[in-house]
């Protein structure tokens, strides 16, 4: 594995840290000052990782305080407590709710060293020039604003981003193949009575409703105009189907954190459920069979990025840009890719992965040796391939993105009624 280290020179070439770019002695002064900087970051447990905070301290010298919350709490904090954070590590559907509050500041793409290498999904919405843009809140639709201070989104690249993209994935159902004992190839299986009392769905309304929509459409029960922006009639039909299944005892539980989903799956209490990539990784690292099952209808996808508090300025703002450039320079990307995620700048991650790892996780090739998690747990043997194949195969089969609908308040009310039913 490459031992390439992130250097201050790399950043300066990218035009970052204006305080350091004016004269030769400045970087020394700036580096000394930055040691006193502490930046407060919050987000979900998916990417608020202690290993990242430790590596920031080692490579950049300043302190990153991380707080991990569930998605609903992340949304509430970003929207209502602007003085409680410096960095919001949030998903794009959350950005749609938070940006109009004015709690985040526009980010200048000219200060992002690897901006031109960010995948097209986050820039014009397309993985390849021929890609169709999936339904839901696609990241590029809330990724740019016309100018600093604007509360509406732009429909093309402008040089001002709401979030700098960092992490994303194609999500699907997790299954226990050893306990199911037959092929699973459709979202409709989540409501198959065969799995009565052994199915689960996540209790986060903006994400769960999209899983529900994938199931209802796969069953042939509903043909949505746009799964990511349902009418009230479509919302009512969706919840009617799932409430009936719930009352018939289909679900063992509803979970909010991936730790909960791991325990449900590892114990065998649940054999099919909504899952996230690190949860699959965690179950497999215990030596328990678990598959992130590709399904014929495609994936429900999501993307996340780093947003900056509108009150961040001076050396703290410079440090935040330095952090973002470090984030996209490869080490974090390699770490996240070994959990099954993708980096917004995949090519820099390659420098921090072995040829075997890159082939397995990104290219969909057979492993040539054991594949391990970031913490060293064995995930796959030589000869195995990744669930769903290559980056292009997986991200090219996205059917919808996590979304915030025009009827969001109505949907949330119906969600709460469903959970309470």
Protein backbone atom coordinates (compact mmCIF):
# COMPACT_ATOMS: atom_id res chain seq x y z
CA UNK A 1 0.00 0.00 0.00
CA UNK A 2 1.21 3.48 -0.84
CA UNK A 3 2.62 5.47 2.07
CA UNK A 4 2.10 8.77 0.27
CA UNK A 5 1.54 11.57 2.78
CA UNK A 6 -0.47 14.70 2.45
CA UNK A 7 1.82 17.72 2.36
CA UNK A 8 1.30 21.41 2.96
CA UNK A 9 2.81 22.05 -0.48
CA UNK A 10 -0.08 20.18 -2.12
CA UNK A 11 -2.54 22.57 -0.51
CA UNK A 12 -0.66 25.68 -1.45
CA UNK A 13 -0.56 24.54 -5.07
CA UNK A 14 -4.34 24.34 -4.87
CA UNK A 15 -4.58 27.96 -3.82
CA UNK A 16 -5.93 27.23 -0.36
CA UNK A 17 -5.13 28.96 2.91
CA UNK A 18 -4.69 32.46 1.63
CA UNK A 19 -3.03 33.43 4.88
CA UNK A 20 -0.21 31.08 4.00
CA UNK A 21 0.27 32.04 0.40
CA UNK A 22 1.62 35.56 0.63
CA UNK A 23 5.21 35.15 1.76
CA UNK A 24 7.75 32.45 2.54
CA UNK A 25 7.70 32.70 6.36
CA UNK A 26 3.88 32.65 6.47
CA UNK A 27 3.36 28.86 6.34
CA UNK A 28 5.47 28.46 9.48
CA UNK A 29 3.46 31.12 11.27
CA UNK A 30 0.19 29.71 10.00
CA UNK A 31 1.13 26.15 10.96
CA UNK A 32 1.96 27.39 14.45
CA UNK A 33 -1.36 29.22 14.78
CA UNK A 34 -3.44 26.37 13.41
CA UNK A 35 -2.39 24.08 16.27
CA UNK A 36 -4.63 26.17 18.52
CA UNK A 37 -7.65 25.72 16.23
CA UNK A 38 -10.48 23.39 17.22
CA UNK A 39 -13.26 22.73 14.72
CA UNK A 40 -16.54 21.19 15.87
CA UNK A 41 -18.03 18.73 13.38
CA UNK A 42 -21.25 16.76 13.61
CA UNK A 43 -23.02 14.29 11.35
CA UNK A 44 -24.14 10.67 11.25
CA UNK A 45 -22.01 7.77 12.48
CA UNK A 46 -21.41 6.82 8.84
CA UNK A 47 -18.55 9.28 8.41
CA UNK A 48 -17.93 10.92 11.82
CA UNK A 49 -15.13 8.54 12.65
CA UNK A 50 -12.52 8.83 15.40
CA UNK A 51 -9.82 7.51 13.06
CA UNK A 52 -10.41 10.51 10.79
CA UNK A 53 -10.13 12.98 13.69
CA UNK A 54 -6.86 11.36 14.80
CA UNK A 55 -5.44 11.51 11.28
CA UNK A 56 -6.39 15.19 10.96
CA UNK A 57 -4.43 15.92 14.15
CA UNK A 58 -1.46 13.97 12.82
CA UNK A 59 -1.43 15.45 9.30
CA UNK A 60 -2.78 18.99 9.78
CA UNK A 61 -2.07 19.70 13.44
CA UNK A 62 -5.43 21.03 14.57
CA UNK A 63 -8.21 19.40 16.58
CA UNK A 64 -11.42 18.08 15.07
CA UNK A 65 -14.15 17.39 17.64
CA UNK A 66 -16.70 14.97 16.19
CA UNK A 67 -20.26 14.27 17.31
CA UNK A 68 -22.27 11.43 15.72
CA UNK A 69 -26.08 11.70 15.68
CA UNK A 70 -28.94 10.01 13.83
CA UNK A 71 -30.15 11.63 10.58
CA UNK A 72 -33.20 13.36 12.07
CA UNK A 73 -31.11 14.86 14.90
CA UNK A 74 -28.49 16.00 12.39
CA UNK A 75 -31.20 17.80 10.39
CA UNK A 76 -32.64 19.48 13.47
CA UNK A 77 -29.26 20.64 14.77
CA UNK A 78 -28.13 22.07 11.42
CA UNK A 79 -31.41 23.93 11.02
CA UNK A 80 -31.89 25.24 14.57
CA UNK A 81 -28.51 25.40 16.37
CA UNK A 82 -26.12 27.30 14.07
CA UNK A 83 -23.75 28.29 16.88
CA UNK A 84 -23.24 24.67 18.01
CA UNK A 85 -21.02 23.61 15.09
CA UNK A 86 -18.34 24.69 12.63
CA UNK A 87 -18.67 21.81 10.16
CA UNK A 88 -21.88 20.02 9.23
CA UNK A 89 -21.22 16.60 7.69
CA UNK A 90 -24.65 16.07 6.16
CA UNK A 91 -26.52 14.36 3.34
CA UNK A 92 -27.82 16.25 0.33
CA UNK A 93 -31.48 15.66 1.18
CA UNK A 94 -30.75 17.27 4.57
CA UNK A 95 -29.12 20.21 2.76
CA UNK A 96 -32.43 20.84 1.00
CA UNK A 97 -34.01 21.41 4.42
CA UNK A 98 -31.11 23.31 6.00
CA UNK A 99 -29.80 25.62 3.26
CA UNK A 100 -32.80 28.01 3.29
CA UNK A 101 -32.17 28.73 7.01
CA UNK A 102 -28.95 30.59 6.18
CA UNK A 103 -26.98 28.57 8.73
CA UNK A 104 -24.40 27.43 6.15
CA UNK A 105 -22.09 29.52 3.97
CA UNK A 106 -21.43 29.14 0.25
CA UNK A 107 -18.11 27.48 -0.55
CA UNK A 108 -15.75 28.78 -3.20
CA UNK A 109 -14.83 25.95 -5.56
CA UNK A 110 -11.64 27.78 -6.61
CA UNK A 111 -10.28 26.91 -3.14
CA UNK A 112 -10.88 23.17 -3.67
CA UNK A 113 -7.69 21.62 -5.03
CA UNK A 114 -9.34 18.53 -6.54
CA UNK A 115 -12.59 20.16 -7.66
CA UNK A 116 -12.07 19.15 -11.30
CA UNK A 117 -11.71 15.49 -10.23
CA UNK A 118 -15.04 15.34 -8.36
CA UNK A 119 -17.30 12.74 -10.02
CA UNK A 120 -19.98 14.02 -12.36
CA UNK A 121 -22.81 12.85 -10.09
CA UNK A 122 -22.16 15.91 -7.90
CA UNK A 123 -21.48 18.38 -10.71
CA UNK A 124 -24.02 17.82 -13.49
CA UNK A 125 -25.82 14.77 -12.11
CA UNK A 126 -24.41 12.31 -14.61
CA UNK A 127 -22.05 9.41 -13.97
CA UNK A 128 -21.34 9.23 -17.70
CA UNK A 129 -22.51 11.54 -20.52
CA UNK A 130 -25.25 9.00 -21.36
CA UNK A 131 -26.51 8.54 -17.79
CA UNK A 132 -30.13 9.20 -16.91
CA UNK A 133 -30.59 11.24 -13.74
CA UNK A 134 -32.51 9.25 -11.12
CA UNK A 135 -35.61 10.42 -9.24
CA UNK A 136 -35.44 12.06 -5.82
CA UNK A 137 -33.13 14.80 -4.49
CA UNK A 138 -30.14 14.20 -6.78
CA UNK A 139 -27.08 15.87 -5.18
CA UNK A 140 -26.34 18.27 -8.06
CA UNK A 141 -29.87 19.76 -7.78
CA UNK A 142 -29.06 21.18 -4.33
CA UNK A 143 -25.26 21.38 -4.75
CA UNK A 144 -24.88 24.90 -6.18
CA UNK A 145 -26.24 28.39 -5.56
CA UNK A 146 -26.07 31.41 -7.89
CA UNK A 147 -23.98 33.54 -5.50
CA UNK A 148 -23.06 33.82 -1.80
CA UNK A 149 -26.10 34.70 0.27
CA UNK A 150 -28.58 33.11 -2.12
CA UNK A 151 -31.17 30.81 -0.52
CA UNK A 152 -32.34 29.20 -3.76
CA UNK A 153 -30.38 26.53 -5.64
CA UNK A 154 -28.81 26.88 -9.07
CA UNK A 155 -29.43 24.33 -11.83
CA UNK A 156 -25.82 24.25 -13.03
CA UNK A 157 -22.24 24.64 -11.76
CA UNK A 158 -21.63 28.20 -10.56
CA UNK A 159 -18.40 28.10 -8.56
CA UNK A 160 -20.36 28.27 -5.28
CA UNK A 161 -21.27 24.98 -3.60
CA UNK A 162 -23.61 24.30 -0.69
CA UNK A 163 -21.66 21.19 0.33
CA UNK A 164 -18.32 19.83 -0.81
CA UNK A 165 -19.16 16.20 -1.65
CA UNK A 166 -17.27 13.52 0.25
CA UNK A 167 -19.12 10.20 0.47
CA UNK A 168 -21.93 8.33 -1.28
CA UNK A 169 -23.20 4.86 -2.04
CA UNK A 170 -25.81 2.74 -3.76
CA UNK A 171 -28.01 1.27 -1.00
CA UNK A 172 -30.10 -1.87 -1.20
CA UNK A 173 -31.50 -4.58 1.05
CA UNK A 174 -29.22 -6.56 3.32
CA UNK A 175 -29.96 -10.28 3.64
CA UNK A 176 -28.78 -13.31 5.61
CA UNK A 177 -28.30 -15.81 2.74
CA UNK A 178 -27.62 -18.67 5.17
CA UNK A 179 -31.01 -18.19 6.84
CA UNK A 180 -33.00 -17.44 3.68
CA UNK A 181 -31.57 -20.25 1.58
CA UNK A 182 -32.73 -19.05 -1.86
CA UNK A 183 -32.00 -16.21 -4.30
CA UNK A 184 -33.39 -12.72 -3.57
CA UNK A 185 -33.61 -10.37 -6.57
CA UNK A 186 -36.40 -7.86 -5.94
CA UNK A 187 -37.33 -5.15 -3.41
CA UNK A 188 -40.77 -6.79 -3.19
CA UNK A 189 -39.27 -9.55 -0.99
CA UNK A 190 -39.22 -7.15 2.00
CA UNK A 191 -43.00 -7.69 2.34
CA UNK A 192 -43.00 -11.38 1.42
CA UNK A 193 -45.04 -13.17 4.16
CA UNK A 194 -42.31 -15.84 4.12
CA UNK A 195 -40.26 -13.40 6.21
CA UNK A 196 -43.06 -12.50 8.63
CA UNK A 197 -41.55 -11.27 11.90
CA UNK A 198 -38.05 -11.31 10.41
CA UNK A 199 -38.04 -8.15 8.27
CA UNK A 200 -37.01 -4.64 9.26
CA UNK A 201 -37.01 -1.13 7.84
CA UNK A 202 -35.21 1.96 9.07
CA UNK A 203 -37.09 4.56 11.11
CA UNK A 204 -35.88 7.69 9.29
CA UNK A 205 -38.82 9.04 7.33
CA UNK A 206 -37.02 10.72 4.41
CA UNK A 207 -35.03 7.53 3.70
CA UNK A 208 -37.57 4.91 4.74
CA UNK A 209 -40.25 6.31 2.44
CA UNK A 210 -37.92 5.76 -0.52
CA UNK A 211 -37.35 2.11 0.47
CA UNK A 212 -41.12 1.75 0.77
CA UNK A 213 -41.58 3.22 -2.70
CA UNK A 214 -39.05 0.81 -4.21
CA UNK A 215 -40.98 -2.08 -2.60
CA UNK A 216 -44.47 -0.91 -3.64
CA UNK A 217 -43.36 -0.27 -7.22
CA UNK A 218 -41.60 -3.66 -7.39
CA UNK A 219 -44.80 -5.34 -6.15
CA UNK A 220 -46.74 -3.67 -8.96
CA UNK A 221 -49.00 -1.95 -6.43
CA UNK A 222 -48.11 1.66 -7.27
CA UNK A 223 -46.61 3.36 -10.33
CA UNK A 224 -45.24 6.66 -9.01
CA UNK A 225 -44.97 9.79 -11.12
CA UNK A 226 -41.80 10.60 -9.12
CA UNK A 227 -40.89 8.48 -6.12
CA UNK A 228 -38.87 11.39 -4.78
CA UNK A 229 -41.80 13.82 -4.89
CA UNK A 230 -44.99 11.90 -4.20
CA UNK A 231 -48.52 13.24 -4.26
CA UNK A 232 -50.63 12.90 -1.11
CA UNK A 233 -52.57 10.10 -2.81
CA UNK A 234 -49.32 8.21 -3.50
CA UNK A 235 -48.15 8.76 0.09
CA UNK A 236 -51.47 7.44 1.44
CA UNK A 237 -51.35 4.34 -0.79
CA UNK A 238 -47.75 3.61 0.23
CA UNK A 239 -48.47 3.80 3.95
CA UNK A 240 -51.66 1.77 3.58
CA UNK A 241 -49.65 -1.13 2.12
CA UNK A 242 -46.95 -0.96 4.80
CA UNK A 243 -49.37 -0.41 7.69
CA UNK A 244 -51.28 -3.55 6.67
CA UNK A 245 -47.99 -5.49 6.56
CA UNK A 246 -46.99 -4.12 9.96
CA UNK A 247 -50.33 -5.08 11.51
CA UNK A 248 -49.89 -8.57 10.05
CA UNK A 249 -46.60 -8.88 11.96
CA UNK A 250 -44.18 -8.52 9.04
CA UNK A 251 -41.62 -6.40 10.91
CA UNK A 252 -39.44 -7.48 13.81
CA UNK A 253 -38.26 -3.93 14.51
CA UNK A 254 -37.54 -0.44 13.16
CA UNK A 255 -34.01 0.94 13.55
CA UNK A 256 -32.38 4.39 13.54
CA UNK A 257 -28.64 3.64 13.77
CA UNK A 258 -26.57 1.13 11.88
CA UNK A 259 -25.50 -0.42 15.21
CA UNK A 260 -29.13 -1.41 15.77
CA UNK A 261 -29.36 -2.88 12.27
CA UNK A 262 -26.11 -4.83 12.83
CA UNK A 263 -27.42 -6.43 16.02
CA UNK A 264 -30.75 -7.36 14.42
CA UNK A 265 -28.99 -9.01 11.50
CA UNK A 266 -26.10 -10.64 13.37
CA UNK A 267 -28.49 -12.23 15.90
CA UNK A 268 -30.62 -13.70 13.13
CA UNK A 269 -33.73 -12.00 14.51
CA UNK A 270 -33.96 -10.29 11.11
CA UNK A 271 -33.06 -11.93 7.78
CA UNK A 272 -33.97 -9.12 5.33
CA UNK A 273 -33.93 -5.38 5.95
CA UNK A 274 -32.93 -1.87 4.92
CA UNK A 275 -29.18 -1.68 5.58
CA UNK A 276 -26.17 0.57 5.17
CA UNK A 277 -22.78 -0.49 3.90
CA UNK A 278 -20.86 -0.35 7.24
CA UNK A 279 -23.58 -2.47 8.84
CA UNK A 280 -22.98 -5.20 6.26
CA UNK A 281 -19.23 -4.82 6.89
CA UNK A 282 -19.76 -5.11 10.65
CA UNK A 283 -21.88 -8.26 10.38
CA UNK A 284 -19.40 -9.93 8.00
CA UNK A 285 -16.48 -8.98 10.26
CA UNK A 286 -18.07 -11.19 12.94
CA UNK A 287 -17.81 -14.14 10.55
CA UNK A 288 -21.56 -14.10 9.83
CA UNK A 289 -22.77 -14.33 6.20
CA UNK A 290 -24.43 -11.09 5.08
CA UNK A 291 -25.00 -9.81 1.55
CA UNK A 292 -25.75 -6.31 0.23
CA UNK A 293 -28.11 -7.78 -2.36
CA UNK A 294 -28.27 -6.21 -5.84
CA UNK A 295 -31.93 -6.06 -6.93
CA UNK A 296 -33.37 -5.93 -10.44
CA UNK A 297 -35.18 -2.61 -9.82
CA UNK A 298 -31.92 -0.86 -8.94
CA UNK A 299 -30.52 0.98 -5.93
CA UNK A 300 -31.68 3.75 -3.61
CA UNK A 301 -28.74 6.09 -3.44
CA UNK A 302 -27.51 8.87 -1.17
CA UNK A 303 -24.66 11.33 -1.03
CA UNK A 304 -23.09 13.40 1.71
CA UNK A 305 -20.80 16.36 1.97
CA UNK A 306 -19.18 18.91 4.22
CA UNK A 307 -20.97 22.18 4.91
CA UNK A 308 -19.49 25.13 6.77
CA UNK A 309 -21.24 27.24 9.40
CA UNK A 310 -22.13 30.72 8.21
CA UNK A 311 -20.32 32.15 11.26
CA UNK A 312 -16.98 30.49 10.42
CA UNK A 313 -14.29 33.04 9.44
CA UNK A 314 -10.60 33.91 9.68
CA UNK A 315 -8.07 31.20 10.49
CA UNK A 316 -10.85 28.77 11.43
CA UNK A 317 -12.32 29.13 7.95
CA UNK A 318 -8.87 28.65 6.39
CA UNK A 319 -8.41 25.54 8.53
CA UNK A 320 -11.80 24.23 7.39
CA UNK A 321 -10.81 24.60 3.73
CA UNK A 322 -7.51 22.91 4.49
CA UNK A 323 -9.46 20.06 6.10
CA UNK A 324 -11.72 19.72 3.05
CA UNK A 325 -8.74 19.58 0.69
CA UNK A 326 -7.08 17.00 2.93
CA UNK A 327 -10.35 15.02 2.98
CA UNK A 328 -10.42 14.81 -0.82
CA UNK A 329 -6.68 14.07 -1.14
CA UNK A 330 -7.08 10.32 -0.68
CA UNK A 331 -6.50 8.96 2.83
CA UNK A 332 -10.12 9.33 3.97
CA UNK A 333 -11.37 8.10 0.61
CA UNK A 334 -9.31 4.91 0.94
CA UNK A 335 -10.63 4.41 4.48
CA UNK A 336 -14.25 4.88 3.40
CA UNK A 337 -13.86 2.70 0.30
CA UNK A 338 -12.70 -0.17 2.52
CA UNK A 339 -16.09 0.12 4.26
CA UNK A 340 -17.89 -0.16 0.93
CA UNK A 341 -18.53 3.54 0.28
CA UNK A 342 -17.24 5.70 -2.57
CA UNK A 343 -15.10 8.83 -2.46
CA UNK A 344 -16.15 11.98 -4.32
CA UNK A 345 -12.63 11.94 -5.84
CA UNK A 346 -12.03 8.21 -6.39
CA UNK A 347 -8.69 8.57 -8.18
CA UNK A 348 -6.92 10.06 -5.14
CA UNK A 349 -8.18 7.17 -2.98
CA UNK A 350 -6.38 4.72 -5.25
CA UNK A 351 -3.03 5.94 -3.85
CA UNK A 352 -4.09 4.77 -0.38
CA UNK A 353 -5.35 1.32 -1.38
CA UNK A 354 -3.55 -1.80 -2.50
CA UNK A 355 -4.10 -3.02 -6.07
CA UNK A 356 -6.15 -5.88 -4.62
CA UNK A 357 -8.38 -3.49 -2.62
CA UNK A 358 -8.92 -1.09 -5.52
CA UNK A 359 -9.74 -3.97 -7.85
CA UNK A 360 -12.24 -5.48 -5.39
CA UNK A 361 -14.01 -2.37 -4.11
CA UNK A 362 -13.96 -0.09 -7.17
CA UNK A 363 -13.47 -2.22 -10.27
CA UNK A 364 -15.57 -5.21 -9.22
CA UNK A 365 -12.70 -7.64 -9.80
CA UNK A 366 -12.08 -10.88 -7.95
CA UNK A 367 -9.98 -10.40 -4.84
CA UNK A 368 -6.45 -11.71 -5.30
CA UNK A 369 -5.91 -11.91 -1.54
CA UNK A 370 -7.91 -11.45 1.67
CA UNK A 371 -9.98 -8.22 1.81
CA UNK A 372 -10.13 -6.56 5.23
CA UNK A 373 -12.07 -3.68 6.78
CA UNK A 374 -10.25 -0.47 7.86
CA UNK A 375 -9.80 -2.06 11.30
CA UNK A 376 -8.34 -5.28 9.88
CA UNK A 377 -11.34 -7.62 10.12
CA UNK A 378 -11.60 -10.11 7.25
CA UNK A 379 -14.44 -9.34 4.84
CA UNK A 380 -13.71 -11.50 1.79
CA UNK A 381 -11.44 -14.31 0.65
CA UNK A 382 -9.33 -14.43 -2.50
CA UNK A 383 -11.57 -15.20 -5.47
CA UNK A 384 -14.64 -13.38 -4.09
CA UNK A 385 -16.18 -10.34 -5.79
CA UNK A 386 -18.02 -7.36 -4.33
CA UNK A 387 -21.83 -7.51 -4.02
CA UNK A 388 -23.16 -5.65 -7.06
CA UNK A 389 -19.89 -5.43 -8.96
CA UNK A 390 -17.97 -2.34 -10.05
CA UNK A 391 -18.47 1.37 -9.32
CA UNK A 392 -20.01 1.89 -12.76
CA UNK A 393 -22.33 -1.11 -12.40
CA UNK A 394 -23.57 -0.05 -8.97
CA UNK A 395 -23.82 3.73 -9.33
CA UNK A 396 -25.08 3.25 -12.89
CA UNK A 397 -28.11 1.34 -11.56
CA UNK A 398 -29.44 4.02 -9.18
CA UNK A 399 -33.25 4.24 -9.37
CA UNK A 400 -33.76 7.04 -6.86
CA UNK A 401 -31.96 9.32 -4.39
CA UNK A 402 -32.95 9.99 -0.79
CA UNK A 403 -35.37 12.88 -1.08
CA UNK A 404 -37.26 15.73 0.53
CA UNK A 405 -40.70 16.07 -1.08
CA UNK A 406 -42.96 19.08 -1.54
CA UNK A 407 -45.40 17.19 0.71
CA UNK A 408 -42.67 16.49 3.28
CA UNK A 409 -44.64 17.63 6.34
CA UNK A 410 -47.61 15.50 5.35
CA UNK A 411 -45.35 12.51 4.68
CA UNK A 412 -43.62 12.85 8.08
CA UNK A 413 -47.00 12.96 9.81
CA UNK A 414 -48.08 9.79 8.00
CA UNK A 415 -44.71 8.18 8.85
CA UNK A 416 -45.20 8.85 12.56
CA UNK A 417 -48.70 7.37 12.36
CA UNK A 418 -47.24 4.28 10.67
CA UNK A 419 -44.58 3.79 13.36
CA UNK A 420 -47.23 4.22 16.08
CA UNK A 421 -49.82 1.96 14.38
